[in-house]
Amino acid sequence: MKKFIIGIVAGIISGMFASGGGLILVPVYTYILKLDEKEARATSLFCILPMVILTSIIYSRNNFIDWSLGIKCAIGGIVGGLVGGKLLNKISNKFLQIAFILFLIYAGITMIIK
């Protein structure tokens, strides 16, 4: 039941803020469910796919998607995903934790400033 509730919370956050997989699921998987850093990231990516598909359909029906921008970024995301997936095997768990924390701090400060 706990895992189902985690999914619901991540889905709500994903739908409202266009994020939730990495921001919610990775910390929950590593600190609450005690998954390895790499396993947590891989599992969260697997869980994100259905959330993103459903949310994208809803956003599309409301004409919120800039298709030109979205397609270009999706192509870049495919390339980046390939590179990131390969790098994940070569990076230590500690480095992943630190990089993730720094990214969240940067994103938070940037949102406050702007």
Protein backbone atom coordinates (compact mmCIF):
# COMPACT_ATOMS: atom_id res chain seq x y z
CA MET A 1 0.00 0.00 0.00
CA LYS A 2 2.87 2.38 0.85
CA LYS A 3 4.34 1.99 -2.64
CA PHE A 4 0.96 2.70 -4.24
CA ILE A 5 0.60 5.90 -2.19
CA ILE A 6 4.12 6.96 -3.21
CA GLY A 7 3.06 6.53 -6.83
CA ILE A 8 -0.10 8.60 -6.32
CA VAL A 9 1.85 11.45 -4.71
CA ALA A 10 4.49 11.38 -7.45
CA GLY A 11 1.76 11.35 -10.11
CA ILE A 12 -0.02 14.35 -8.60
CA ILE A 13 3.22 16.32 -8.36
CA SER A 14 4.16 15.29 -11.90
CA GLY A 15 0.80 16.42 -13.22
CA MET A 16 0.87 19.75 -11.42
CA PHE A 17 4.52 20.73 -11.65
CA ALA A 18 5.80 18.65 -14.60
CA SER A 19 8.23 16.88 -12.29
CA GLY A 20 7.92 14.19 -9.71
CA GLY A 21 9.94 11.25 -10.89
CA GLY A 22 13.39 12.40 -9.98
CA LEU A 23 12.38 14.92 -7.38
CA ILE A 24 10.03 12.67 -5.44
CA LEU A 25 10.64 9.06 -6.40
CA VAL A 26 14.46 8.94 -6.25
CA PRO A 27 14.69 10.26 -2.67
CA VAL A 28 11.76 8.08 -1.59
CA TYR A 29 13.27 5.00 -3.21
CA THR A 30 16.70 5.60 -1.69
CA TYR A 31 15.80 6.82 1.81
CA ILE A 32 12.45 5.19 2.56
CA LEU A 33 12.49 2.03 0.43
CA LYS A 34 16.30 1.65 0.75
CA LEU A 35 17.08 1.05 -2.95
CA ASP A 36 20.57 1.54 -4.31
CA GLU A 37 21.09 4.96 -5.98
CA LYS A 38 21.32 3.51 -9.48
CA GLU A 39 18.38 1.17 -8.98
CA ALA A 40 16.31 4.07 -7.61
CA ARG A 41 17.00 6.20 -10.68
CA ALA A 42 16.29 3.39 -13.13
CA THR A 43 13.07 2.44 -11.33
CA SER A 44 11.89 6.06 -11.21
CA LEU A 45 12.46 6.43 -14.96
CA PHE A 46 10.36 3.33 -15.54
CA CYS A 47 7.58 4.78 -13.35
CA ILE A 48 7.75 8.20 -15.00
CA LEU A 49 6.81 6.92 -18.46
CA PRO A 50 3.12 6.19 -17.78
CA MET A 51 2.78 9.41 -15.75
CA VAL A 52 4.28 11.48 -18.55
CA ILE A 53 2.17 9.87 -21.26
CA LEU A 54 -1.09 10.44 -19.39
CA THR A 55 -0.21 13.97 -18.31
CA SER A 56 0.90 14.84 -21.86
CA ILE A 57 -2.47 13.72 -23.22
CA ILE A 58 -4.25 15.96 -20.72
CA TYR A 59 -1.95 18.93 -21.48
CA SER A 60 -2.40 18.35 -25.21
CA ARG A 61 -6.19 18.35 -24.94
CA ASN A 62 -5.92 21.75 -23.23
CA ASN A 63 -3.54 23.08 -25.93
CA PHE A 64 -0.70 23.65 -23.46
CA ILE A 65 2.03 21.98 -25.54
CA ASP A 66 4.39 23.92 -27.79
CA TRP A 67 4.90 21.08 -30.29
CA SER A 68 7.85 22.60 -32.14
CA LEU A 69 9.78 23.20 -28.93
CA GLY A 70 8.68 19.88 -27.45
CA ILE A 71 9.81 17.79 -30.43
CA LYS A 72 13.21 19.49 -30.58
CA CYS A 73 13.76 19.02 -26.86
CA ALA A 74 12.53 15.42 -27.04
CA ILE A 75 15.16 14.62 -29.67
CA GLY A 76 17.81 16.17 -27.44
CA GLY A 77 16.37 14.26 -24.49
CA ILE A 78 16.72 10.97 -26.34
CA VAL A 79 20.39 11.67 -27.01
CA GLY A 80 20.92 12.87 -23.43
CA GLY A 81 19.10 9.82 -22.05
CA LEU A 82 21.40 7.50 -23.98
CA VAL A 83 24.48 9.30 -22.68
CA GLY A 84 23.12 9.51 -19.14
CA GLY A 85 22.16 5.84 -19.09
CA LYS A 86 25.67 4.84 -20.12
CA LEU A 87 27.27 7.23 -17.62
CA LEU A 88 25.14 5.86 -14.78
CA ASN A 89 27.10 2.61 -14.91
CA LYS A 90 30.40 4.46 -14.52
CA ILE A 91 29.53 6.93 -11.75
CA SER A 92 29.67 6.15 -8.04
CA ASN A 93 26.57 6.30 -5.89
CA LYS A 94 28.14 9.03 -3.73
CA PHE A 95 28.77 11.22 -6.78
CA LEU A 96 25.17 10.70 -7.90
CA GLN A 97 23.89 11.82 -4.49
CA ILE A 98 26.06 14.93 -4.45
CA ALA A 99 25.24 15.86 -8.05
CA PHE A 100 21.50 15.43 -7.37
CA ILE A 101 21.67 17.58 -4.23
CA LEU A 102 23.58 20.32 -6.07
CA PHE A 103 21.07 20.23 -8.92
CA LEU A 104 18.14 20.60 -6.52
CA ILE A 105 19.84 23.49 -4.70
CA TYR A 106 20.59 25.23 -8.00
CA ALA A 107 17.03 24.71 -9.26
CA GLY A 108 15.54 25.97 -6.00
CA ILE A 109 17.71 29.10 -5.89
CA THR A 110 17.02 29.83 -9.55
CA MET A 111 13.27 29.59 -8.97
CA ILE A 112 13.46 31.93 -5.97
CA ILE A 113 15.56 34.53 -7.79
CA LYS A 114 13.42 34.59 -10.92
